[in-house]
Amino acid sequence: MTVLKKAIVTGATSGIGEATVRALASSGRQVLAIARREERLRALADATGAEFLVTDVRHLSEQTARLTGFEPDILINNAGVGHGISGLDGVSADQLQEAFDINVTAPLKLIAYLTPGMKERGRGHIVNIGSIAGLHTMISAIYGGTKSAIHRISQNLRFELSGTGIRVTEIAPGRVASEFYQAAEGDSERLAAMGTSDIRELQPEDIANAILFALDAPAHVNVATLEILPTEQAVGGVKAEAVKD
């Protein structure tokens, strides 16, 4: 089996992104870690041997030569923001645009930049970090909408790339212990309440291990969609609420 060896990871300086860089490096893979926070990136590079690129994923069009020159056969689209996870209240027009730019447009651009090289080399694996909010009805028209887009992009991309040898995996986590709610924009009181949980949440390393599981599957096996929840979390149900007079 051909082992894919060179990976690009976005949103690399905390949470799932950082854990994934560490896991990939520990598995012997070369990593190009991308994030905005230079000090954290340098520390991560020192700890793992990863290369790094300090940039905002909204500006990746300025870095295409660096990205394609790395010749990755793995792309981990992890960078994202949680704007609107608490609902539309408190989200400005600029924050709404930022949510779509970071959560949807940036991953699509990276895919467009890197898949031609993967096709030429006859191998590749794209891993998109989605969310259960993209698979189930929840209180998140903005955030859920962006992650629903990632779900459909992943499904359609798998169809587009059929016959190229490039696999596409979507990872859809539930609650993960991270800086997610602290970095999100929206209704501050609701975000504070949502950010506090009494359950044993997933750890970023749990998601990183799931990514490695998908990457390390035999070449003829495409782990298409992985929905990963804490044991104490479940989704679903029906809401019925009377209109207040």
Protein backbone atom coordinates (compact mmCIF):
# COMPACT_ATOMS: atom_id res chain seq x y z
CA MET A 1 0.00 0.00 0.00
CA THR A 2 1.23 3.50 -0.85
CA VAL A 3 1.45 5.52 2.37
CA LEU A 4 0.54 9.17 1.92
CA LYS A 5 3.37 11.14 3.47
CA LYS A 6 2.93 14.91 3.07
CA ALA A 7 0.07 16.75 4.76
CA ILE A 8 -1.23 20.31 4.94
CA VAL A 9 -3.26 21.16 8.05
CA THR A 10 -5.15 24.44 8.50
CA GLY A 11 -6.13 25.92 11.85
CA ALA A 12 -3.07 24.23 13.28
CA THR A 13 -2.39 26.11 16.52
CA SER A 14 -5.11 24.78 18.81
CA GLY A 15 -7.69 22.05 19.32
CA ILE A 16 -8.19 19.51 16.55
CA GLY A 17 -5.66 21.18 14.24
CA GLU A 18 -2.80 21.09 16.72
CA ALA A 19 -3.59 17.52 17.78
CA THR A 20 -3.70 16.46 14.13
CA VAL A 21 -0.31 18.03 13.36
CA ARG A 22 1.19 16.18 16.32
CA ALA A 23 -0.43 12.88 15.33
CA LEU A 24 0.68 13.17 11.70
CA ALA A 25 4.23 14.06 12.71
CA SER A 26 4.33 11.15 15.14
CA SER A 27 3.26 8.84 12.33
CA GLY A 28 6.32 9.89 10.31
CA ARG A 29 4.58 12.26 7.92
CA GLN A 30 5.83 15.65 6.77
CA VAL A 31 3.45 18.43 7.75
CA LEU A 32 2.88 22.00 6.63
CA ALA A 33 0.95 23.64 9.47
CA ILE A 34 -1.07 26.76 8.63
CA ALA A 35 -2.49 29.26 11.12
CA ARG A 36 -2.46 32.95 12.06
CA ARG A 37 -0.70 32.81 15.44
CA GLU A 38 3.02 32.80 14.71
CA GLU A 39 4.28 32.20 18.24
CA ARG A 40 2.12 29.09 18.62
CA LEU A 41 3.08 27.86 15.16
CA ARG A 42 6.78 28.19 15.90
CA ALA A 43 6.38 26.31 19.17
CA LEU A 44 4.44 23.56 17.39
CA ALA A 45 7.08 23.35 14.65
CA ASP A 46 9.83 23.09 17.26
CA ALA A 47 7.96 20.27 19.00
CA THR A 48 7.03 18.28 15.89
CA GLY A 49 9.45 19.17 13.11
CA ALA A 50 6.59 20.49 11.00
CA GLU A 51 7.01 23.26 8.46
CA PHE A 52 4.71 26.21 9.00
CA LEU A 53 3.01 29.04 7.18
CA VAL A 54 1.71 32.07 9.07
CA THR A 55 -1.37 33.30 7.21
CA ASP A 56 -5.11 33.74 7.38
CA VAL A 57 -6.88 31.06 5.36
CA ARG A 58 -8.86 33.85 3.69
CA HIS A 59 -5.59 34.96 2.04
CA LEU A 60 -4.37 31.61 0.74
CA SER A 61 -4.53 32.84 -2.85
CA GLU A 62 -1.37 34.82 -2.01
CA GLN A 63 0.42 31.56 -1.08
CA THR A 64 -0.43 29.20 -3.94
CA ALA A 65 3.21 28.66 -4.94
CA ARG A 66 4.14 27.61 -1.40
CA LEU A 67 1.10 25.34 -1.11
CA THR A 68 1.47 23.57 -4.45
CA GLY A 69 5.27 23.46 -4.12
CA PHE A 70 4.92 21.41 -0.95
CA GLU A 71 3.25 18.72 -3.13
CA PRO A 72 0.89 17.44 -0.45
CA ASP A 73 -0.95 14.18 -0.84
CA ILE A 74 -3.06 14.90 2.28
CA LEU A 75 -5.16 18.00 2.93
CA ILE A 76 -6.82 18.51 6.32
CA ASN A 77 -9.36 21.36 6.05
CA ASN A 78 -9.73 22.09 9.75
CA ALA A 79 -9.73 25.90 10.16
CA GLY A 80 -13.15 27.23 11.09
CA VAL A 81 -15.11 29.68 13.20
CA GLY A 82 -18.26 29.14 15.24
CA HIS A 83 -19.98 32.44 14.49
CA GLY A 84 -23.73 31.96 14.75
CA ILE A 85 -23.56 28.65 16.64
CA SER A 86 -25.88 30.26 19.21
CA GLY A 87 -28.29 31.58 16.56
CA LEU A 88 -28.54 34.70 14.41
CA ASP A 89 -28.83 37.11 17.35
CA GLY A 90 -25.69 39.18 17.90
CA VAL A 91 -24.00 38.26 14.62
CA SER A 92 -23.04 41.19 12.40
CA ALA A 93 -23.00 41.17 8.61
CA ASP A 94 -19.19 41.16 8.69
CA GLN A 95 -19.11 38.18 11.06
CA LEU A 96 -21.59 36.33 8.88
CA GLN A 97 -19.37 36.91 5.85
CA GLU A 98 -16.30 35.82 7.81
CA ALA A 99 -18.04 32.57 8.76
CA PHE A 100 -18.66 31.67 5.12
CA ASP A 101 -15.24 32.87 3.97
CA ILE A 102 -13.40 30.74 6.53
CA ASN A 103 -15.70 27.73 6.82
CA VAL A 104 -16.66 27.28 3.17
CA THR A 105 -14.72 29.42 0.67
CA ALA A 106 -11.23 28.79 2.09
CA PRO A 107 -11.56 24.97 2.10
CA LEU A 108 -12.92 25.03 -1.46
CA LYS A 109 -10.02 27.18 -2.62
CA LEU A 110 -7.47 24.83 -1.07
CA ILE A 111 -9.15 21.86 -2.70
CA ALA A 112 -9.10 23.65 -6.07
CA TYR A 113 -5.41 24.56 -5.67
CA LEU A 114 -4.23 21.11 -4.59
CA THR A 115 -6.32 18.51 -6.40
CA PRO A 116 -4.63 19.05 -9.81
CA GLY A 117 -1.28 17.98 -8.32
CA MET A 118 -2.90 15.05 -6.54
CA LYS A 119 -4.44 13.94 -9.84
CA GLU A 120 -1.07 14.13 -11.58
CA ARG A 121 0.52 12.02 -8.85
CA GLY A 122 -2.40 9.59 -8.87
CA ARG A 123 -2.99 9.71 -5.12
CA GLY A 124 -4.37 11.96 -2.42
CA HIS A 125 -6.70 12.26 0.52
CA ILE A 126 -8.85 15.28 1.43
CA VAL A 127 -10.20 15.39 4.97
CA ASN A 128 -12.84 18.03 5.69
CA ILE A 129 -13.73 18.77 9.31
CA GLY A 130 -17.48 19.20 9.40
CA SER A 131 -19.80 19.03 12.39
CA ILE A 132 -22.92 17.30 13.63
CA ALA A 133 -24.45 20.78 13.10
CA GLY A 134 -24.06 20.13 9.37
CA LEU A 135 -25.87 16.80 9.54
CA HIS A 136 -28.70 17.49 11.99
CA THR A 137 -31.18 20.30 12.66
CA MET A 138 -29.81 22.50 15.45
CA ILE A 139 -29.95 26.14 16.55
CA SER A 140 -27.34 27.35 14.08
CA ALA A 141 -28.57 28.67 10.75
CA ILE A 142 -25.18 30.27 10.04
CA TYR A 143 -22.77 27.74 11.51
CA GLY A 144 -24.95 24.77 10.63
CA GLY A 145 -25.37 26.18 7.14
CA THR A 146 -21.61 26.41 6.59
CA LYS A 147 -21.07 22.89 7.88
CA SER A 148 -23.95 21.59 5.78
CA ALA A 149 -22.10 23.08 2.83
CA ILE A 150 -18.97 21.14 3.85
CA HIS A 151 -21.06 17.97 4.01
CA ARG A 152 -22.46 18.46 0.50
CA ILE A 153 -19.07 19.57 -0.86
CA SER A 154 -17.51 16.39 0.50
CA GLN A 155 -20.25 14.20 -0.98
CA ASN A 156 -20.09 15.85 -4.40
CA LEU A 157 -16.30 16.00 -4.43
CA ARG A 158 -16.13 12.26 -3.88
CA PHE A 159 -18.33 11.89 -6.96
CA GLU A 160 -16.20 14.33 -9.00
CA LEU A 161 -12.94 12.63 -8.08
CA SER A 162 -14.10 9.10 -8.74
CA GLY A 163 -11.43 7.27 -10.74
CA THR A 164 -8.56 9.60 -9.73
CA GLY A 165 -7.35 7.65 -6.70
CA ILE A 166 -8.11 10.62 -4.43
CA ARG A 167 -10.18 9.83 -1.36
CA VAL A 168 -12.45 12.29 0.48
CA THR A 169 -13.37 11.97 4.15
CA GLU A 170 -15.69 14.14 6.23
CA ILE A 171 -15.25 14.09 10.00
CA ALA A 172 -18.34 15.39 11.83
CA PRO A 173 -17.63 15.79 15.55
CA GLY A 174 -19.97 16.57 18.37
CA ARG A 175 -18.72 18.40 21.45
CA VAL A 176 -14.95 18.66 21.57
CA ALA A 177 -13.01 20.27 24.43
CA SER A 178 -11.45 23.28 22.70
CA GLU A 179 -11.49 27.08 22.35
CA PHE A 180 -14.48 26.84 19.99
CA TYR A 181 -17.15 28.64 22.01
CA GLN A 182 -14.72 31.23 23.37
CA ALA A 183 -13.72 32.24 19.83
CA ALA A 184 -17.26 32.24 18.41
CA GLU A 185 -19.29 35.43 17.87
CA GLY A 186 -22.97 35.75 18.66
CA ASP A 187 -25.27 36.11 21.66
CA SER A 188 -22.77 36.30 24.55
CA GLU A 189 -25.06 34.89 27.25
CA ARG A 190 -26.17 31.97 25.09
CA LEU A 191 -22.60 31.27 24.01
CA ALA A 192 -21.44 31.25 27.63
CA ALA A 193 -24.18 28.77 28.52
CA MET A 194 -23.46 26.58 25.49
CA GLY A 195 -19.73 26.62 26.25
CA THR A 196 -20.24 24.96 29.62
CA SER A 197 -20.87 21.24 29.68
CA ASP A 198 -21.19 18.68 32.47
CA ILE A 199 -20.43 15.77 30.16
CA ARG A 200 -17.14 14.13 29.32
CA GLU A 201 -16.41 15.79 25.99
CA LEU A 202 -14.32 14.47 23.15
CA GLN A 203 -10.67 15.48 23.20
CA PRO A 204 -8.90 16.89 20.13
CA GLU A 205 -6.72 13.77 20.13
CA ASP A 206 -9.84 11.63 19.63
CA ILE A 207 -10.54 13.42 16.36
CA ALA A 208 -6.88 13.30 15.32
CA ASN A 209 -6.90 9.54 15.86
CA ALA A 210 -10.04 9.25 13.72
CA ILE A 211 -8.28 11.16 10.94
CA LEU A 212 -5.33 8.77 11.12
CA PHE A 213 -7.76 5.83 10.98
CA ALA A 214 -9.21 7.17 7.72
CA LEU A 215 -5.77 7.96 6.27
CA ASP A 216 -4.33 4.58 7.17
CA ALA A 217 -7.17 2.55 5.68
CA PRO A 218 -6.17 0.49 2.61
CA ALA A 219 -6.14 2.50 -0.61
CA HIS A 220 -9.32 0.81 -1.86
CA VAL A 221 -11.20 1.87 1.30
CA ASN A 222 -12.67 5.39 1.52
CA VAL A 223 -13.98 6.24 4.98
CA ALA A 224 -16.59 8.64 3.65
CA THR A 225 -18.26 10.20 6.70
CA LEU A 226 -17.43 9.75 10.37
CA GLU A 227 -19.91 11.18 12.89
CA ILE A 228 -18.19 11.18 16.27
CA LEU A 229 -20.00 12.01 19.52
CA PRO A 230 -19.19 11.82 23.20
CA THR A 231 -20.98 8.85 24.76
CA GLU A 232 -23.06 11.30 26.82
CA GLN A 233 -24.20 13.37 23.82
CA ALA A 234 -27.05 12.56 21.44
CA VAL A 235 -28.79 14.57 18.72
CA GLY A 236 -32.29 14.49 17.28
CA GLY A 237 -35.83 15.19 18.37
CA VAL A 238 -38.71 17.48 17.47
CA LYS A 239 -39.33 21.00 18.74
CA ALA A 240 -42.84 22.38 19.26
CA GLU A 241 -43.17 25.80 20.85
CA ALA A 242 -46.22 28.04 21.05
CA VAL A 243 -45.97 31.59 19.72
CA LYS A 244 -45.85 34.06 22.59
CA ASP A 245 -48.58 36.71 22.55
